[in-house]
Protein backbone atom coordinates (compact mmCIF):
# COMPACT_ATOMS: atom_id res chain seq x y z
CA UNK A 1 -72.51 18.38 16.89
CA UNK A 2 -71.68 21.49 14.85
CA UNK A 3 -74.13 20.38 12.16
CA UNK A 4 -76.73 19.66 14.85
CA UNK A 5 -77.10 15.90 14.36
CA UNK A 6 -75.63 15.10 17.78
CA UNK A 7 -76.23 16.94 21.05
CA UNK A 8 -73.24 17.83 23.24
CA UNK A 9 -73.17 16.36 26.76
CA UNK A 10 -71.73 19.62 28.08
CA UNK A 11 -70.58 23.02 26.91
CA UNK A 12 -71.87 25.27 24.14
CA UNK A 13 -71.44 25.60 20.37
CA UNK A 14 -70.97 29.13 19.09
CA UNK A 15 -70.65 30.40 15.54
CA UNK A 16 -69.16 33.84 15.94
CA UNK A 17 -70.92 35.17 19.02
CA UNK A 18 -74.16 33.28 18.40
CA UNK A 19 -74.97 30.27 20.59
CA UNK A 20 -76.47 27.57 18.33
CA UNK A 21 -76.40 24.71 20.85
CA UNK A 22 -80.19 24.40 20.87
CA UNK A 23 -80.75 25.43 17.25
CA UNK A 24 -82.14 22.60 15.07
CA UNK A 25 -79.97 21.47 12.12
CA UNK A 26 -82.08 23.10 9.41
CA UNK A 27 -81.85 26.48 11.16
CA UNK A 28 -78.06 26.50 11.51
CA UNK A 29 -75.86 28.56 9.13
CA UNK A 30 -73.76 25.53 8.18
CA UNK A 31 -73.59 23.19 5.22
CA UNK A 32 -71.71 19.96 4.52
CA UNK A 33 -69.69 18.46 1.67
CA UNK A 34 -69.56 14.68 2.03
CA UNK A 35 -66.90 12.25 0.85
CA UNK A 36 -69.40 10.50 -1.44
CA UNK A 37 -70.64 13.83 -2.93
CA UNK A 38 -74.26 12.49 -2.89
CA UNK A 39 -75.19 14.14 -6.20
CA UNK A 40 -78.60 13.42 -7.72
CA UNK A 41 -77.80 11.38 -10.88
CA UNK A 42 -81.05 12.34 -12.66
CA UNK A 43 -80.52 16.09 -12.22
CA UNK A 44 -78.25 18.39 -14.20
CA UNK A 45 -75.35 20.27 -12.61
CA UNK A 46 -77.51 23.38 -12.43
CA UNK A 47 -80.41 21.50 -10.82
CA UNK A 48 -78.08 19.81 -8.30
CA UNK A 49 -76.60 23.11 -7.23
CA UNK A 50 -79.98 24.83 -7.07
CA UNK A 51 -81.64 22.05 -5.06
CA UNK A 52 -81.31 23.75 -1.67
CA UNK A 53 -82.52 27.10 -2.99
CA UNK A 54 -86.04 25.77 -3.45
CA UNK A 55 -86.48 26.23 0.30
CA UNK A 56 -85.36 29.87 0.15
CA UNK A 57 -87.47 32.91 -0.70
CA UNK A 58 -85.85 33.64 -4.05
CA UNK A 59 -87.32 34.29 -7.47
CA UNK A 60 -86.31 31.99 -10.33
CA UNK A 61 -84.10 34.69 -11.81
CA UNK A 62 -82.38 35.30 -8.49
CA UNK A 63 -81.84 31.57 -8.04
CA UNK A 64 -80.36 31.13 -11.51
CA UNK A 65 -78.08 34.12 -11.00
CA UNK A 66 -76.78 32.71 -7.71
CA UNK A 67 -76.20 29.26 -9.26
CA UNK A 68 -74.28 30.80 -12.19
CA UNK A 69 -72.19 32.85 -9.76
CA UNK A 70 -71.18 29.90 -7.61
CA UNK A 71 -70.48 27.67 -10.65
CA UNK A 72 -68.12 30.33 -11.97
CA UNK A 73 -66.51 30.43 -8.54
CA UNK A 74 -65.69 26.70 -8.68
CA UNK A 75 -64.70 26.91 -12.37
CA UNK A 76 -67.69 25.01 -13.74
CA UNK A 77 -69.22 27.74 -15.89
CA UNK A 78 -70.63 26.14 -19.05
CA UNK A 79 -71.31 22.78 -17.36
CA UNK A 80 -74.84 23.68 -16.20
CA UNK A 81 -76.69 21.09 -18.31
CA UNK A 82 -74.38 18.13 -17.81
CA UNK A 83 -75.34 15.18 -15.62
CA UNK A 84 -73.05 13.83 -12.87
CA UNK A 85 -72.05 10.77 -14.93
CA UNK A 86 -70.67 13.10 -17.61
CA UNK A 87 -68.23 14.68 -15.16
CA UNK A 88 -64.83 13.64 -13.86
CA UNK A 89 -64.30 12.95 -10.15
CA UNK A 90 -62.80 16.39 -9.61
CA UNK A 91 -65.72 18.07 -11.39
CA UNK A 92 -68.24 16.12 -9.31
CA UNK A 93 -66.42 17.28 -6.20
CA UNK A 94 -66.76 20.88 -7.39
CA UNK A 95 -70.50 20.42 -7.97
CA UNK A 96 -70.90 19.15 -4.40
CA UNK A 97 -68.92 22.15 -3.18
CA UNK A 98 -71.02 24.56 -5.24
CA UNK A 99 -74.24 23.02 -3.92
CA UNK A 100 -73.04 23.73 -0.37
CA UNK A 101 -71.74 27.24 -1.10
CA UNK A 102 -74.86 28.43 -2.95
CA UNK A 103 -76.67 28.64 0.40
CA UNK A 104 -74.03 31.09 1.73
CA UNK A 105 -73.22 29.22 4.97
CA UNK A 106 -71.21 30.82 7.76
CA UNK A 107 -69.32 27.54 8.23
CA UNK A 108 -68.71 24.83 5.64
CA UNK A 109 -68.14 21.31 6.99
CA UNK A 110 -66.07 19.07 4.73
CA UNK A 111 -65.92 15.34 5.52
CA UNK A 112 -62.87 13.97 3.65
CA UNK A 113 -64.16 15.50 0.40
CA UNK A 114 -61.08 14.47 -1.61
CA UNK A 115 -60.91 10.89 -0.34
CA UNK A 116 -62.27 9.33 -3.54
CA UNK A 117 -59.79 11.07 -5.87
CA UNK A 118 -56.38 9.99 -7.12
CA UNK A 119 -53.23 11.44 -5.54
CA UNK A 120 -52.41 14.03 -8.23
CA UNK A 121 -55.97 15.36 -8.44
CA UNK A 122 -56.10 15.53 -4.64
CA UNK A 123 -53.02 17.75 -4.56
CA UNK A 124 -54.42 20.03 -7.26
CA UNK A 125 -57.78 20.38 -5.52
CA UNK A 126 -56.16 20.99 -2.13
CA UNK A 127 -54.63 24.16 -3.56
CA UNK A 128 -57.92 25.12 -5.25
CA UNK A 129 -59.95 24.63 -2.08
CA UNK A 130 -57.51 26.68 -0.04
CA UNK A 131 -57.61 29.51 -2.59
CA UNK A 132 -61.41 29.33 -2.73
CA UNK A 133 -61.69 29.52 1.05
CA UNK A 134 -59.58 32.67 1.12
CA UNK A 135 -61.57 34.19 -1.73
CA UNK A 136 -65.02 33.72 -0.19
CA UNK A 137 -63.81 34.32 3.38
CA UNK A 138 -65.86 31.78 5.33
CA UNK A 139 -64.64 29.14 7.77
CA UNK A 140 -63.98 25.66 6.39
CA UNK A 141 -63.96 22.88 9.01
CA UNK A 142 -62.14 20.09 7.21
CA UNK A 143 -61.92 16.51 8.49
CA UNK A 144 -59.17 14.31 7.04
CA UNK A 145 -56.99 11.34 7.99
CA UNK A 146 -54.36 12.45 5.47
CA UNK A 147 -51.65 14.21 7.49
CA UNK A 148 -50.08 15.90 4.46
CA UNK A 149 -53.49 17.23 3.43
CA UNK A 150 -54.07 18.59 6.95
CA UNK A 151 -50.70 20.37 6.97
CA UNK A 152 -51.17 21.73 3.45
CA UNK A 153 -54.64 23.18 3.83
CA UNK A 154 -55.12 24.38 7.39
CA UNK A 155 -54.61 27.70 9.14
CA UNK A 156 -55.30 25.95 12.45
CA UNK A 157 -54.88 22.24 12.98
CA UNK A 158 -56.49 20.04 15.66
CA UNK A 159 -55.24 16.50 16.22
CA UNK A 160 -57.89 14.33 17.88
CA UNK A 161 -57.75 10.93 19.57
CA UNK A 162 -60.73 9.10 21.08
CA UNK A 163 -62.85 12.23 20.98
CA UNK A 164 -60.25 14.40 22.72
CA UNK A 165 -58.30 17.25 21.14
CA UNK A 166 -54.67 16.29 21.76
CA UNK A 167 -53.23 19.54 20.37
CA UNK A 168 -54.45 22.67 18.62
CA UNK A 169 -52.26 25.19 16.80
CA UNK A 170 -50.83 26.25 13.48
CA UNK A 171 -49.57 23.41 11.25
CA UNK A 172 -45.96 24.44 11.93
CA UNK A 173 -46.50 24.54 15.70
CA UNK A 174 -48.17 21.13 15.85
CA UNK A 175 -45.69 19.47 13.49
CA UNK A 176 -42.48 20.91 14.91
CA UNK A 177 -43.54 21.10 18.57
CA UNK A 178 -45.79 18.11 19.34
CA UNK A 179 -47.04 18.11 22.93
CA UNK A 180 -47.76 14.38 23.25
CA UNK A 181 -46.31 11.16 21.88
CA UNK A 182 -49.59 10.52 20.07
CA UNK A 183 -49.28 13.77 18.09
CA UNK A 184 -45.58 13.17 17.37
CA UNK A 185 -46.28 9.64 16.12
CA UNK A 186 -49.50 10.41 14.22
CA UNK A 187 -48.67 13.63 12.38
CA UNK A 188 -46.00 12.94 9.79
CA UNK A 189 -43.08 10.61 10.42
CA UNK A 190 -41.18 10.82 13.68
CA UNK A 191 -38.37 8.99 15.45
CA UNK A 192 -39.56 8.16 18.96
CA UNK A 193 -37.09 6.73 21.46
CA UNK A 194 -37.29 5.95 25.15
CA UNK A 195 -34.78 7.81 27.27
CA UNK A 196 -33.87 8.52 30.87
CA UNK A 197 -33.51 12.07 32.15
CA UNK A 198 -29.96 13.03 33.16
CA UNK A 199 -30.70 16.66 33.97
CA UNK A 200 -32.72 19.60 32.61
CA UNK A 201 -31.15 19.44 29.14
CA UNK A 202 -29.65 15.97 28.79
CA UNK A 203 -31.13 12.50 28.36
CA UNK A 204 -29.62 9.06 28.15
CA UNK A 205 -30.72 7.07 25.08
CA UNK A 206 -29.42 3.49 25.12
CA UNK A 207 -26.23 4.51 26.89
CA UNK A 208 -25.55 7.64 24.84
CA UNK A 209 -26.02 11.05 26.47
CA UNK A 210 -27.78 13.53 24.16
CA UNK A 211 -28.63 17.18 24.64
CA UNK A 212 -32.34 17.89 24.09
CA UNK A 213 -33.36 21.52 24.38
CA UNK A 214 -36.94 21.30 23.13
CA UNK A 215 -39.82 20.26 25.36
CA UNK A 216 -40.05 20.08 29.15
CA UNK A 217 -37.89 17.55 30.94
CA UNK A 218 -39.08 16.26 34.32
CA UNK A 219 -36.58 16.12 37.18
CA UNK A 220 -36.00 12.41 36.61
CA UNK A 221 -37.43 9.26 35.17
CA UNK A 222 -38.24 7.74 31.80
CA UNK A 223 -39.36 9.97 28.94
CA UNK A 224 -39.68 9.86 25.17
CA UNK A 225 -37.52 11.91 22.86
CA UNK A 226 -38.63 12.63 19.32
CA UNK A 227 -36.92 14.03 16.25
CA UNK A 228 -38.24 14.45 12.72
CA UNK A 229 -36.36 12.49 10.01
CA UNK A 230 -35.51 15.62 8.00
CA UNK A 231 -33.52 16.93 10.99
CA UNK A 232 -31.34 13.81 11.32
CA UNK A 233 -28.03 14.00 9.46
CA UNK A 234 -25.91 11.12 8.23
CA UNK A 235 -22.19 11.83 8.61
CA UNK A 236 -19.01 9.81 7.95
CA UNK A 237 -18.03 7.18 10.54
CA UNK A 238 -15.88 8.46 13.37
CA UNK A 239 -17.27 12.00 13.27
CA UNK A 240 -17.09 13.41 16.79
CA UNK A 241 -19.08 16.12 18.53
CA UNK A 242 -22.17 16.72 20.62
CA UNK A 243 -25.24 14.58 19.84
CA UNK A 244 -23.38 12.31 17.46
CA UNK A 245 -23.55 8.55 17.80
CA UNK A 246 -22.20 5.62 15.76
CA UNK A 247 -24.77 3.77 13.67
CA UNK A 248 -25.10 1.22 10.88
CA UNK A 249 -27.13 1.68 7.72
CA UNK A 250 -29.98 -0.84 7.66
CA UNK A 251 -31.73 0.08 4.41
CA UNK A 252 -32.56 2.80 1.89
CA UNK A 253 -35.97 3.74 0.48
CA UNK A 254 -35.81 5.88 -2.66
CA UNK A 255 -38.61 8.48 -2.79
CA UNK A 256 -37.62 10.53 -5.84
CA UNK A 257 -36.45 13.89 -4.55
CA UNK A 258 -35.41 12.35 -1.21
CA UNK A 259 -34.22 9.06 0.24
CA UNK A 260 -35.28 7.52 3.53
CA UNK A 261 -32.24 6.16 5.32
CA UNK A 262 -32.81 3.73 8.19
CA UNK A 263 -29.89 3.35 10.58
CA UNK A 264 -29.52 1.22 13.71
CA UNK A 265 -27.71 2.59 16.74
CA UNK A 266 -25.91 0.49 19.35
CA UNK A 267 -28.61 -0.70 21.73
CA UNK A 268 -31.04 -1.43 18.91
CA UNK A 269 -32.68 1.97 18.41
CA UNK A 270 -33.74 2.46 14.78
CA UNK A 271 -33.51 6.02 13.50
CA UNK A 272 -34.86 7.28 10.21
CA UNK A 273 -33.28 10.15 8.27
CA UNK A 274 -34.76 11.92 5.26
CA UNK A 275 -31.98 13.04 2.95
CA UNK A 276 -32.19 15.11 -0.22
CA UNK A 277 -30.90 13.23 -3.27
CA UNK A 278 -27.84 15.38 -3.76
CA UNK A 279 -25.20 12.67 -3.44
CA UNK A 280 -24.73 12.81 0.35
CA UNK A 281 -25.61 9.20 1.14
CA UNK A 282 -25.15 7.51 -2.22
CA UNK A 283 -21.57 6.58 -1.32
CA UNK A 284 -22.76 4.29 1.49
CA UNK A 285 -23.97 0.70 1.20
CA UNK A 286 -26.31 -1.28 3.43
CA UNK A 287 -24.33 -2.37 6.47
CA UNK A 288 -21.91 0.58 6.27
CA UNK A 289 -20.83 2.31 9.46
CA UNK A 290 -21.88 5.98 9.74
CA UNK A 291 -22.45 8.65 12.36
CA UNK A 292 -25.99 9.83 13.16
CA UNK A 293 -26.21 13.49 14.18
CA UNK A 294 -29.32 14.47 16.15
CA UNK A 295 -29.26 18.26 16.72
CA UNK A 296 -30.15 19.31 20.26
CA UNK A 297 -32.74 21.87 19.15
CA UNK A 298 -34.52 19.19 17.08
CA UNK A 299 -34.71 16.64 19.92
CA UNK A 300 -37.96 17.17 21.84
CA UNK A 301 -38.67 15.65 25.24
CA UNK A 302 -42.16 14.25 25.81
CA UNK A 303 -43.86 12.47 28.68
CA UNK A 304 -43.78 8.68 28.34
CA UNK A 305 -47.58 8.43 28.31
CA UNK A 306 -48.42 6.68 25.06
CA UNK A 307 -47.57 3.19 23.79
CA UNK A 308 -45.87 3.55 20.41
CA UNK A 309 -45.78 0.60 18.03
CA UNK A 310 -42.77 0.33 15.75
């Protein structure tokens, strides 16, 4: 709809203060970078980037100057005469980006532009794209199914489900304070457990009363409580205190700098902890008894409105 290929059923689309709802696609100040790049294989880098300028009122010298400027911006100066097949995946992505930027759009739409690249190159280009966006100062609207990529790159993050915006906010707000079970389950890894409200700050989870000070608790009834794995702590068995419950280690998953620790609480709830590899959990074996500590400020109460598989 922002690009103009679909018409909204209701509402308006504004870029800045300008209503573009009825503006045809070719008249809108937007451009798109696609996942497939869609470069012309028979044209050079320079010709690919300059393709859209043929419809602008520019002299040849002005066009060449603008192409050189945008190629320098994406760090492809000196590659003007190469063909797409002579470039790496990351360089092809930069050509597609330059081709979109050369037209000086007010909004750049990016449809999973890093989806075809390997993991390391994706991380490198995420940082480059973010730096480039800040340098040129235009809005990037970036669509991705990669949650880490969304958190890394965005100033504002919208989580959508079935065409509806579930939550909109800064990456930190959406990650640390999810408003629905869908957002909590979709963005990153989260422990989601059914609970029953005891009062305004306490819930009963499988027979254990836990304080939960984040989120809005209804007066009564069944709710979900969520906590991120990095906030769960694994302590020695028998440790007492608020929000501590006995558990048994089910398995470990080594991730390099961290280890995922899966524990099972009485009642069958499985809780995941993410622990830095500093020796804290290496003394335990699978099947060992431990204590799971779930801090009250990290436990968030949500309405029980979404089926969660797992």
